[in-house]
Amino acid sequence: MNIRSTALPVLASLFLLPACGDTDPASDIDPAIAARFACDEVDFAPMPFQGPGVDPETGAFASLDNETYVVHTTHLLLKPGMAEKVYELSGPILADLMSRPGFVAVSLATSDTCGSVRTLGVWESEVAMYDFVFGEAHTAAMDQTTEVSESGRVTHWTLSADDVKSLTWDQARAEVAEVPPAGRYE
């Protein structure tokens, strides 16, 4: 199955999937994992933002009433042949995500060339983000992290409402590139 064909469901199931992985910067990174993170995503294909904070007709952020927002991004390296399993995990995650208080929007990007999935999301607060991360549906998906992926990295930061409106994937990719990979999931 093509990763891109499962985009919306994958979006939900991989949203912060590696958030609780081993992120010790001192970890020795397997050279094969390092090479996968360095892979040139020539077919990088981001989807438009979706969620309660996005105008479905224009794709633009609707009114952002907070002064600041929490933005997260993830970069997950799928194991070969795991797109279907990720799709199976997505149903409960999608339902939870779209109804989660404090959730604003999320975008998914994939690269079949590199076997990678990325998320870029916006939250009203860090508390709202972590309430989702440690919620029942997402925790169940996190339990599958080592089965579906080889490694991942995640970060989050705060932006003003105006900066959220101009948020780009280039910015997200630069932010997460500064985070050491979690190493090989065992």
N, C-alpha and C. Protein backbone atom coordinates (compact mmCIF):
# COMPACT_ATOMS: atom_id res chain seq x y z
N MET A 1 0.85 -1.18 0.00
CA MET A 1 0.00 0.00 0.00
C MET A 1 0.89 1.23 0.00
N ASN A 2 0.59 2.19 -0.81
CA ASN A 2 1.30 3.45 -0.89
C ASN A 2 1.03 4.26 0.37
N ILE A 3 2.08 4.79 0.99
CA ILE A 3 1.93 5.56 2.22
C ILE A 3 0.94 6.69 2.02
N ARG A 4 1.03 7.39 0.91
CA ARG A 4 0.18 8.55 0.66
C ARG A 4 -1.30 8.17 0.58
N SER A 5 -1.61 6.95 0.17
CA SER A 5 -3.00 6.54 0.05
C SER A 5 -3.68 6.38 1.41
N THR A 6 -2.91 6.35 2.46
CA THR A 6 -3.48 6.23 3.81
C THR A 6 -3.28 7.52 4.59
N ALA A 7 -3.12 8.62 3.91
CA ALA A 7 -2.70 9.87 4.53
C ALA A 7 -3.53 10.31 5.73
N LEU A 8 -4.82 10.48 5.59
CA LEU A 8 -5.60 10.98 6.72
C LEU A 8 -5.59 10.01 7.88
N PRO A 9 -5.84 8.72 7.67
CA PRO A 9 -5.78 7.80 8.81
C PRO A 9 -4.38 7.71 9.42
N VAL A 10 -3.37 7.72 8.60
CA VAL A 10 -2.00 7.67 9.11
C VAL A 10 -1.73 8.90 9.95
N LEU A 11 -2.23 10.03 9.49
CA LEU A 11 -2.09 11.28 10.21
C LEU A 11 -2.49 11.10 11.67
N ALA A 12 -3.63 10.53 11.87
CA ALA A 12 -4.13 10.39 13.23
C ALA A 12 -3.31 9.39 14.03
N SER A 13 -2.97 8.26 13.45
CA SER A 13 -2.30 7.22 14.22
C SER A 13 -0.85 7.55 14.52
N LEU A 14 -0.23 8.37 13.71
CA LEU A 14 1.18 8.67 13.93
C LEU A 14 1.41 10.00 14.62
N PHE A 15 0.35 10.68 14.94
CA PHE A 15 0.45 11.98 15.57
C PHE A 15 1.17 11.83 16.89
N LEU A 16 2.39 12.18 16.97
CA LEU A 16 3.23 12.07 18.16
C LEU A 16 3.48 10.64 18.59
N LEU A 17 3.36 9.68 17.68
CA LEU A 17 3.54 8.28 18.04
C LEU A 17 4.83 8.02 18.81
N PRO A 18 5.97 8.62 18.41
CA PRO A 18 7.18 8.30 19.15
C PRO A 18 7.42 9.18 20.37
N ALA A 19 6.42 9.88 20.83
CA ALA A 19 6.62 10.87 21.89
C ALA A 19 7.24 10.30 23.15
N CYS A 20 7.04 9.06 23.43
CA CYS A 20 7.57 8.49 24.66
C CYS A 20 8.74 7.55 24.41
N GLY A 21 9.33 7.63 23.25
CA GLY A 21 10.46 6.77 22.92
C GLY A 21 11.72 7.21 23.62
N ASP A 22 12.78 6.45 23.45
CA ASP A 22 14.08 6.77 24.02
C ASP A 22 14.66 7.93 23.23
N THR A 23 14.70 9.10 23.83
CA THR A 23 15.22 10.27 23.14
C THR A 23 16.52 10.75 23.76
N ASP A 24 17.26 9.87 24.40
CA ASP A 24 18.53 10.22 25.01
C ASP A 24 19.51 10.63 23.93
N PRO A 25 19.94 11.93 23.94
CA PRO A 25 20.86 12.39 22.90
C PRO A 25 22.19 11.65 22.91
N ALA A 26 22.52 11.01 24.02
CA ALA A 26 23.78 10.29 24.09
C ALA A 26 23.69 8.90 23.47
N SER A 27 22.48 8.50 23.07
CA SER A 27 22.32 7.18 22.45
C SER A 27 23.19 7.07 21.21
N ASP A 28 23.77 5.90 21.03
CA ASP A 28 24.50 5.64 19.80
C ASP A 28 23.48 5.38 18.71
N ILE A 29 23.54 6.18 17.66
CA ILE A 29 22.58 6.03 16.57
C ILE A 29 23.14 5.05 15.54
N ASP A 30 22.36 4.05 15.24
CA ASP A 30 22.70 3.07 14.21
C ASP A 30 22.95 3.83 12.90
N PRO A 31 24.06 3.56 12.21
CA PRO A 31 24.35 4.26 10.95
C PRO A 31 23.24 4.12 9.91
N ALA A 32 22.56 2.99 9.88
CA ALA A 32 21.46 2.81 8.93
C ALA A 32 20.30 3.74 9.27
N ILE A 33 20.04 3.94 10.55
CA ILE A 33 18.98 4.86 10.97
C ILE A 33 19.38 6.29 10.65
N ALA A 34 20.62 6.64 10.93
CA ALA A 34 21.11 7.98 10.60
C ALA A 34 20.97 8.25 9.11
N ALA A 35 21.28 7.26 8.30
CA ALA A 35 21.15 7.42 6.84
C ALA A 35 19.70 7.61 6.44
N ARG A 36 18.79 6.90 7.08
CA ARG A 36 17.37 7.07 6.75
C ARG A 36 16.88 8.47 7.13
N PHE A 37 17.34 8.99 8.26
CA PHE A 37 16.95 10.35 8.64
C PHE A 37 17.53 11.38 7.68
N ALA A 38 18.67 11.06 7.08
CA ALA A 38 19.30 11.98 6.13
C ALA A 38 18.77 11.82 4.71
N CYS A 39 17.90 10.86 4.49
CA CYS A 39 17.35 10.58 3.16
C CYS A 39 16.72 11.85 2.56
N ASP A 40 16.98 12.08 1.29
CA ASP A 40 16.42 13.23 0.58
C ASP A 40 14.98 12.91 0.18
N GLU A 41 14.05 13.56 0.84
CA GLU A 41 12.63 13.31 0.59
C GLU A 41 12.18 14.02 -0.69
N VAL A 42 12.67 13.51 -1.81
CA VAL A 42 12.38 14.15 -3.11
C VAL A 42 10.90 14.13 -3.44
N ASP A 43 10.17 13.20 -2.86
CA ASP A 43 8.73 13.12 -3.08
C ASP A 43 7.94 13.60 -1.86
N PHE A 44 8.55 14.48 -1.08
CA PHE A 44 7.90 15.04 0.11
C PHE A 44 6.54 15.61 -0.28
N ALA A 45 5.49 15.10 0.33
CA ALA A 45 4.13 15.46 -0.08
C ALA A 45 3.28 15.84 1.14
N PRO A 46 3.28 17.12 1.50
CA PRO A 46 2.45 17.54 2.63
C PRO A 46 0.99 17.69 2.23
N MET A 47 0.12 17.37 3.15
CA MET A 47 -1.31 17.59 2.97
C MET A 47 -1.69 18.91 3.62
N PRO A 48 -2.80 19.49 3.20
CA PRO A 48 -3.26 20.73 3.84
C PRO A 48 -3.59 20.49 5.32
N PHE A 49 -3.51 21.55 6.09
CA PHE A 49 -3.94 21.46 7.48
C PHE A 49 -5.42 21.09 7.53
N GLN A 50 -5.76 20.27 8.54
CA GLN A 50 -7.14 19.86 8.78
C GLN A 50 -7.40 19.94 10.27
N GLY A 51 -8.63 20.23 10.62
CA GLY A 51 -9.01 20.26 12.02
C GLY A 51 -10.00 21.36 12.30
N PRO A 52 -10.43 21.45 13.55
CA PRO A 52 -11.45 22.43 13.90
C PRO A 52 -11.01 23.88 13.77
N GLY A 53 -9.71 24.13 13.72
CA GLY A 53 -9.22 25.49 13.60
C GLY A 53 -8.92 25.91 12.17
N VAL A 54 -9.36 25.11 11.20
CA VAL A 54 -9.06 25.39 9.79
C VAL A 54 -10.37 25.59 9.03
N ASP A 55 -10.42 26.62 8.22
CA ASP A 55 -11.57 26.85 7.34
C ASP A 55 -11.51 25.82 6.23
N PRO A 56 -12.48 24.91 6.15
CA PRO A 56 -12.40 23.83 5.15
C PRO A 56 -12.48 24.32 3.71
N GLU A 57 -13.05 25.50 3.49
CA GLU A 57 -13.15 26.02 2.12
C GLU A 57 -11.85 26.64 1.64
N THR A 58 -11.14 27.31 2.54
CA THR A 58 -9.91 28.01 2.13
C THR A 58 -8.64 27.28 2.54
N GLY A 59 -8.74 26.43 3.55
CA GLY A 59 -7.56 25.76 4.08
C GLY A 59 -6.73 26.64 4.99
N ALA A 60 -7.19 27.87 5.21
CA ALA A 60 -6.48 28.81 6.08
C ALA A 60 -6.92 28.60 7.53
N PHE A 61 -6.07 29.02 8.45
CA PHE A 61 -6.46 28.96 9.84
C PHE A 61 -7.63 29.90 10.07
N ALA A 62 -8.62 29.45 10.82
CA ALA A 62 -9.75 30.29 11.21
C ALA A 62 -9.24 31.24 12.29
N SER A 63 -10.12 31.98 12.89
CA SER A 63 -9.67 32.94 13.89
C SER A 63 -8.90 32.23 15.00
N LEU A 64 -7.75 32.76 15.31
CA LEU A 64 -6.91 32.24 16.38
C LEU A 64 -6.99 33.24 17.53
N ASP A 65 -7.68 32.88 18.59
CA ASP A 65 -7.98 33.82 19.67
C ASP A 65 -6.91 33.89 20.75
N ASN A 66 -6.08 32.87 20.86
CA ASN A 66 -5.02 32.89 21.87
C ASN A 66 -3.86 33.77 21.40
N GLU A 67 -3.07 34.25 22.35
CA GLU A 67 -1.86 34.99 21.99
C GLU A 67 -0.80 34.05 21.45
N THR A 68 -0.70 32.86 22.06
CA THR A 68 0.30 31.88 21.64
C THR A 68 -0.34 30.50 21.48
N TYR A 69 0.35 29.67 20.71
CA TYR A 69 -0.07 28.29 20.46
C TYR A 69 1.14 27.39 20.55
N VAL A 70 0.90 26.13 20.85
CA VAL A 70 1.96 25.13 20.87
C VAL A 70 1.92 24.41 19.53
N VAL A 71 3.09 24.30 18.92
CA VAL A 71 3.23 23.62 17.63
C VAL A 71 4.10 22.39 17.86
N HIS A 72 3.71 21.27 17.30
CA HIS A 72 4.55 20.07 17.40
C HIS A 72 4.87 19.59 15.99
N THR A 73 5.96 18.86 15.88
CA THR A 73 6.24 18.15 14.64
C THR A 73 6.91 16.83 14.98
N THR A 74 6.61 15.83 14.16
CA THR A 74 7.21 14.51 14.32
C THR A 74 7.80 14.06 13.00
N HIS A 75 8.73 13.14 13.09
CA HIS A 75 9.36 12.53 11.91
C HIS A 75 9.53 11.07 12.27
N LEU A 76 8.79 10.21 11.61
CA LEU A 76 8.78 8.79 11.92
C LEU A 76 9.26 8.00 10.71
N LEU A 77 10.14 7.03 10.95
CA LEU A 77 10.64 6.15 9.89
C LEU A 77 9.91 4.81 9.99
N LEU A 78 9.04 4.55 9.03
CA LEU A 78 8.27 3.30 9.05
C LEU A 78 9.14 2.12 8.68
N LYS A 79 8.84 0.98 9.29
CA LYS A 79 9.45 -0.27 8.85
C LYS A 79 8.80 -0.65 7.52
N PRO A 80 9.53 -1.33 6.65
CA PRO A 80 8.95 -1.75 5.37
C PRO A 80 7.67 -2.56 5.58
N GLY A 81 6.66 -2.25 4.77
CA GLY A 81 5.41 -2.99 4.81
C GLY A 81 4.48 -2.65 5.96
N MET A 82 4.74 -1.58 6.68
CA MET A 82 3.93 -1.26 7.86
C MET A 82 2.84 -0.23 7.61
N ALA A 83 2.71 0.29 6.39
CA ALA A 83 1.68 1.29 6.12
C ALA A 83 0.28 0.75 6.42
N GLU A 84 0.02 -0.50 6.06
CA GLU A 84 -1.30 -1.10 6.32
C GLU A 84 -1.58 -1.20 7.82
N LYS A 85 -0.60 -1.61 8.59
CA LYS A 85 -0.77 -1.70 10.04
C LYS A 85 -1.04 -0.32 10.64
N VAL A 86 -0.32 0.67 10.16
CA VAL A 86 -0.53 2.03 10.62
C VAL A 86 -1.97 2.46 10.30
N TYR A 87 -2.43 2.12 9.12
CA TYR A 87 -3.81 2.43 8.74
C TYR A 87 -4.80 1.79 9.72
N GLU A 88 -4.55 0.56 10.10
CA GLU A 88 -5.44 -0.14 11.04
C GLU A 88 -5.49 0.55 12.41
N LEU A 89 -4.38 1.13 12.82
CA LEU A 89 -4.31 1.80 14.11
C LEU A 89 -5.02 3.15 14.13
N SER A 90 -5.35 3.67 12.97
CA SER A 90 -5.75 5.07 12.86
C SER A 90 -7.17 5.40 13.28
N GLY A 91 -8.11 4.48 13.18
CA GLY A 91 -9.51 4.81 13.45
C GLY A 91 -9.76 5.47 14.80
N PRO A 92 -9.39 4.82 15.89
CA PRO A 92 -9.63 5.43 17.20
C PRO A 92 -8.85 6.73 17.40
N ILE A 93 -7.66 6.80 16.82
CA ILE A 93 -6.84 8.00 16.96
C ILE A 93 -7.52 9.18 16.27
N LEU A 94 -7.98 8.96 15.05
CA LEU A 94 -8.63 10.04 14.29
C LEU A 94 -9.87 10.55 15.03
N ALA A 95 -10.69 9.65 15.51
CA ALA A 95 -11.90 10.06 16.23
C ALA A 95 -11.53 10.89 17.46
N ASP A 96 -10.54 10.44 18.20
CA ASP A 96 -10.12 11.16 19.40
C ASP A 96 -9.52 12.51 19.05
N LEU A 97 -8.65 12.53 18.08
CA LEU A 97 -7.94 13.76 17.72
C LEU A 97 -8.91 14.86 17.32
N MET A 98 -9.82 14.57 16.41
CA MET A 98 -10.70 15.61 15.87
C MET A 98 -11.70 16.13 16.89
N SER A 99 -11.91 15.40 17.97
CA SER A 99 -12.85 15.87 18.99
C SER A 99 -12.13 16.33 20.26
N ARG A 100 -10.82 16.34 20.22
CA ARG A 100 -10.02 16.63 21.41
C ARG A 100 -10.05 18.13 21.73
N PRO A 101 -10.43 18.52 22.96
CA PRO A 101 -10.38 19.93 23.34
C PRO A 101 -8.96 20.48 23.21
N GLY A 102 -8.84 21.67 22.66
CA GLY A 102 -7.55 22.32 22.51
C GLY A 102 -6.81 21.98 21.24
N PHE A 103 -7.31 21.02 20.47
CA PHE A 103 -6.70 20.69 19.18
C PHE A 103 -7.14 21.72 18.16
N VAL A 104 -6.18 22.26 17.38
CA VAL A 104 -6.47 23.28 16.38
C VAL A 104 -6.38 22.70 14.98
N ALA A 105 -5.24 22.12 14.63
CA ALA A 105 -5.05 21.64 13.26
C ALA A 105 -3.83 20.73 13.18
N VAL A 106 -3.81 19.93 12.12
CA VAL A 106 -2.67 19.06 11.87
C VAL A 106 -2.53 18.83 10.37
N SER A 107 -1.30 18.62 9.95
CA SER A 107 -0.98 18.29 8.56
C SER A 107 -0.05 17.08 8.59
N LEU A 108 -0.19 16.25 7.60
CA LEU A 108 0.66 15.07 7.44
C LEU A 108 1.48 15.24 6.18
N ALA A 109 2.70 14.76 6.22
CA ALA A 109 3.53 14.71 5.02
C ALA A 109 4.19 13.34 4.96
N THR A 110 4.31 12.82 3.76
CA THR A 110 4.92 11.51 3.58
C THR A 110 6.01 11.57 2.52
N SER A 111 6.86 10.58 2.57
CA SER A 111 7.84 10.35 1.52
C SER A 111 7.95 8.84 1.34
N ASP A 112 7.45 8.36 0.22
CA ASP A 112 7.58 6.94 -0.08
C ASP A 112 9.05 6.58 -0.31
N THR A 113 9.80 7.49 -0.92
CA THR A 113 11.22 7.26 -1.18
C THR A 113 11.97 6.95 0.10
N CYS A 114 11.67 7.69 1.16
CA CYS A 114 12.38 7.54 2.42
C CYS A 114 11.62 6.72 3.46
N GLY A 115 10.39 6.32 3.12
CA GLY A 115 9.59 5.57 4.08
C GLY A 115 9.31 6.36 5.34
N SER A 116 9.07 7.65 5.17
CA SER A 116 8.87 8.50 6.33
C SER A 116 7.48 9.12 6.35
N VAL A 117 7.04 9.38 7.55
CA VAL A 117 5.78 10.08 7.80
C VAL A 117 6.10 11.20 8.79
N ARG A 118 5.57 12.37 8.51
CA ARG A 118 5.77 13.52 9.40
C ARG A 118 4.41 14.11 9.76
N THR A 119 4.34 14.69 10.95
CA THR A 119 3.16 15.44 11.35
C THR A 119 3.57 16.83 11.77
N LEU A 120 2.66 17.76 11.59
CA LEU A 120 2.84 19.14 12.02
C LEU A 120 1.49 19.57 12.59
N GLY A 121 1.44 19.84 13.87
CA GLY A 121 0.17 20.14 14.52
C GLY A 121 0.21 21.39 15.36
N VAL A 122 -0.97 21.94 15.58
CA VAL A 122 -1.13 23.16 16.37
C VAL A 122 -2.14 22.89 17.48
N TRP A 123 -1.79 23.33 18.67
CA TRP A 123 -2.60 23.13 19.87
C TRP A 123 -2.77 24.44 20.60
N GLU A 124 -3.88 24.57 21.33
CA GLU A 124 -4.11 25.77 22.13
C GLU A 124 -3.15 25.84 23.32
N SER A 125 -2.67 24.69 23.78
CA SER A 125 -1.77 24.68 24.94
C SER A 125 -0.98 23.38 24.98
N GLU A 126 0.09 23.40 25.74
CA GLU A 126 0.87 22.19 25.96
C GLU A 126 0.04 21.15 26.72
N VAL A 127 -0.77 21.61 27.65
CA VAL A 127 -1.63 20.69 28.41
C VAL A 127 -2.57 19.94 27.46
N ALA A 128 -3.19 20.66 26.53
CA ALA A 128 -4.09 20.01 25.57
C ALA A 128 -3.35 18.97 24.73
N MET A 129 -2.13 19.32 24.29
CA MET A 129 -1.34 18.39 23.49
C MET A 129 -1.04 17.12 24.29
N TYR A 130 -0.57 17.28 25.52
CA TYR A 130 -0.22 16.11 26.32
C TYR A 130 -1.45 15.32 26.77
N ASP A 131 -2.58 15.99 26.95
CA ASP A 131 -3.81 15.24 27.24
C ASP A 131 -4.10 14.27 26.11
N PHE A 132 -3.87 14.69 24.87
CA PHE A 132 -4.05 13.79 23.73
C PHE A 132 -2.98 12.69 23.73
N VAL A 133 -1.73 13.10 23.88
CA VAL A 133 -0.62 12.14 23.82
C VAL A 133 -0.82 11.01 24.83
N PHE A 134 -1.26 11.35 26.03
CA PHE A 134 -1.41 10.33 27.06
C PHE A 134 -2.84 9.82 27.20
N GLY A 135 -3.68 10.17 26.23
CA GLY A 135 -5.04 9.64 26.20
C GLY A 135 -5.04 8.17 25.81
N GLU A 136 -6.16 7.52 26.06
CA GLU A 136 -6.28 6.08 25.85
C GLU A 136 -5.98 5.67 24.40
N ALA A 137 -6.57 6.35 23.44
CA ALA A 137 -6.40 5.95 22.03
C ALA A 137 -4.96 6.11 21.58
N HIS A 138 -4.35 7.24 21.92
CA HIS A 138 -2.97 7.47 21.49
C HIS A 138 -1.99 6.56 22.21
N THR A 139 -2.22 6.33 23.49
CA THR A 139 -1.34 5.44 24.24
C THR A 139 -1.36 4.03 23.65
N ALA A 140 -2.54 3.58 23.23
CA ALA A 140 -2.63 2.26 22.59
C ALA A 140 -1.81 2.23 21.31
N ALA A 141 -1.82 3.32 20.54
CA ALA A 141 -1.01 3.38 19.32
C ALA A 141 0.48 3.45 19.66
N MET A 142 0.84 4.20 20.70
CA MET A 142 2.24 4.27 21.09
C MET A 142 2.79 2.90 21.45
N ASP A 143 1.93 2.06 22.00
CA ASP A 143 2.36 0.70 22.33
C ASP A 143 2.79 -0.09 21.10
N GLN A 144 2.40 0.35 19.91
CA GLN A 144 2.74 -0.32 18.65
C GLN A 144 3.95 0.32 17.95
N THR A 145 4.54 1.34 18.56
CA THR A 145 5.62 2.09 17.91
C THR A 145 6.73 1.18 17.40
N THR A 146 7.20 0.27 18.22
CA THR A 146 8.33 -0.56 17.81
C THR A 146 7.95 -1.57 16.73
N GLU A 147 6.67 -1.89 16.62
CA GLU A 147 6.22 -2.81 15.58
C GLU A 147 6.18 -2.13 14.21
N VAL A 148 5.77 -0.86 14.16
CA VAL A 148 5.53 -0.20 12.87
C VAL A 148 6.66 0.72 12.42
N SER A 149 7.58 1.07 13.31
CA SER A 149 8.60 2.03 12.93
C SER A 149 9.98 1.64 13.45
N GLU A 150 10.99 2.20 12.80
CA GLU A 150 12.37 1.94 13.21
C GLU A 150 12.90 3.00 14.15
N SER A 151 12.46 4.24 13.97
CA SER A 151 12.93 5.32 14.81
C SER A 151 12.06 6.54 14.58
N GLY A 152 12.24 7.53 15.42
CA GLY A 152 11.48 8.76 15.25
C GLY A 152 12.09 9.88 16.06
N ARG A 153 11.57 11.05 15.83
CA ARG A 153 11.96 12.21 16.63
C ARG A 153 10.77 13.16 16.66
N VAL A 154 10.70 13.93 17.72
CA VAL A 154 9.57 14.81 17.95
C VAL A 154 10.04 16.05 18.70
N THR A 155 9.39 17.16 18.44
CA THR A 155 9.66 18.38 19.19
C THR A 155 8.42 19.24 19.18
N HIS A 156 8.41 20.21 20.08
CA HIS A 156 7.34 21.21 20.08
C HIS A 156 7.89 22.54 20.55
N TRP A 157 7.22 23.60 20.16
CA TRP A 157 7.63 24.95 20.49
C TRP A 157 6.39 25.84 20.51
N THR A 158 6.56 27.07 20.94
CA THR A 158 5.45 28.02 21.04
C THR A 158 5.59 29.09 19.97
N LEU A 159 4.45 29.43 19.35
CA LEU A 159 4.40 30.50 18.35
C LEU A 159 3.26 31.45 18.67
N SER A 160 3.40 32.69 18.23
CA SER A 160 2.29 33.64 18.33
C SER A 160 1.22 33.25 17.32
N ALA A 161 0.02 33.75 17.51
CA ALA A 161 -1.07 33.47 16.57
C ALA A 161 -0.69 33.91 15.16
N ASP A 162 -0.05 35.07 15.02
CA ASP A 162 0.37 35.53 13.69
C ASP A 162 1.38 34.59 13.06
N ASP A 163 2.31 34.07 13.87
CA ASP A 163 3.31 33.14 13.33
C ASP A 163 2.69 31.80 12.97
N VAL A 164 1.66 31.38 13.68
CA VAL A 164 0.96 30.15 13.32
C VAL A 164 0.37 30.29 11.92
N LYS A 165 -0.19 31.44 11.63
CA LYS A 165 -0.82 31.67 10.32
C LYS A 165 0.17 31.53 9.17
N SER A 166 1.45 31.74 9.44
CA SER A 166 2.46 31.62 8.39
C SER A 166 3.36 30.39 8.58
N LEU A 167 2.94 29.46 9.42
CA LEU A 167 3.70 28.24 9.70
C LEU A 167 3.90 27.43 8.43
N THR A 168 5.14 26.96 8.23
CA THR A 168 5.45 26.17 7.03
C THR A 168 6.10 24.85 7.40
N TRP A 169 6.07 23.94 6.45
CA TRP A 169 6.76 22.67 6.63
C TRP A 169 8.27 22.87 6.67
N ASP A 170 8.80 23.86 5.96
CA ASP A 170 10.24 24.13 6.03
C ASP A 170 10.64 24.45 7.46
N GLN A 171 9.84 25.25 8.15
CA GLN A 171 10.13 25.58 9.54
C GLN A 171 10.07 24.32 10.41
N ALA A 172 9.05 23.51 10.22
CA ALA A 172 8.91 22.29 11.01
C ALA A 172 10.08 21.33 10.78
N ARG A 173 10.47 21.18 9.53
CA ARG A 173 11.58 20.28 9.21
C ARG A 173 12.87 20.78 9.85
N ALA A 174 13.08 22.08 9.86
CA ALA A 174 14.27 22.65 10.50
C ALA A 174 14.24 22.43 12.01
N GLU A 175 13.08 22.61 12.62
CA GLU A 175 12.95 22.42 14.07
C GLU A 175 13.27 20.98 14.47
N VAL A 176 12.69 20.01 13.79
CA VAL A 176 12.88 18.62 14.18
C VAL A 176 14.27 18.11 13.79
N ALA A 177 14.90 18.73 12.80
CA ALA A 177 16.25 18.32 12.41
C ALA A 177 17.26 18.58 13.53
N GLU A 178 16.92 19.48 14.44
CA GLU A 178 17.80 19.79 15.58
C GLU A 178 17.69 18.77 16.70
N VAL A 179 16.71 17.89 16.61
CA VAL A 179 16.46 16.90 17.66
C VAL A 179 17.18 15.60 17.32
N PRO A 180 17.98 15.07 18.24
CA PRO A 180 18.63 13.79 17.97
C PRO A 180 17.58 12.69 17.78
N PRO A 181 17.79 11.81 16.81
CA PRO A 181 16.86 10.69 16.64
C PRO A 181 16.80 9.83 17.90
N ALA A 182 15.69 9.15 18.06
CA ALA A 182 15.49 8.30 19.23
C ALA A 182 16.36 7.05 19.21
N GLY A 183 17.06 6.80 18.13
CA GLY A 183 17.80 5.55 18.00
C GLY A 183 16.89 4.50 17.41
N ARG A 184 17.40 3.30 17.29
CA ARG A 184 16.60 2.21 16.71
C ARG A 184 15.66 1.68 17.78
N TYR A 185 14.37 1.64 17.43
CA TYR A 185 13.39 1.05 18.35
C TYR A 185 13.60 -0.45 18.38
N GLU A 186 13.63 -1.00 19.54
CA GLU A 186 13.84 -2.45 19.70
C GLU A 186 12.55 -3.12 20.07
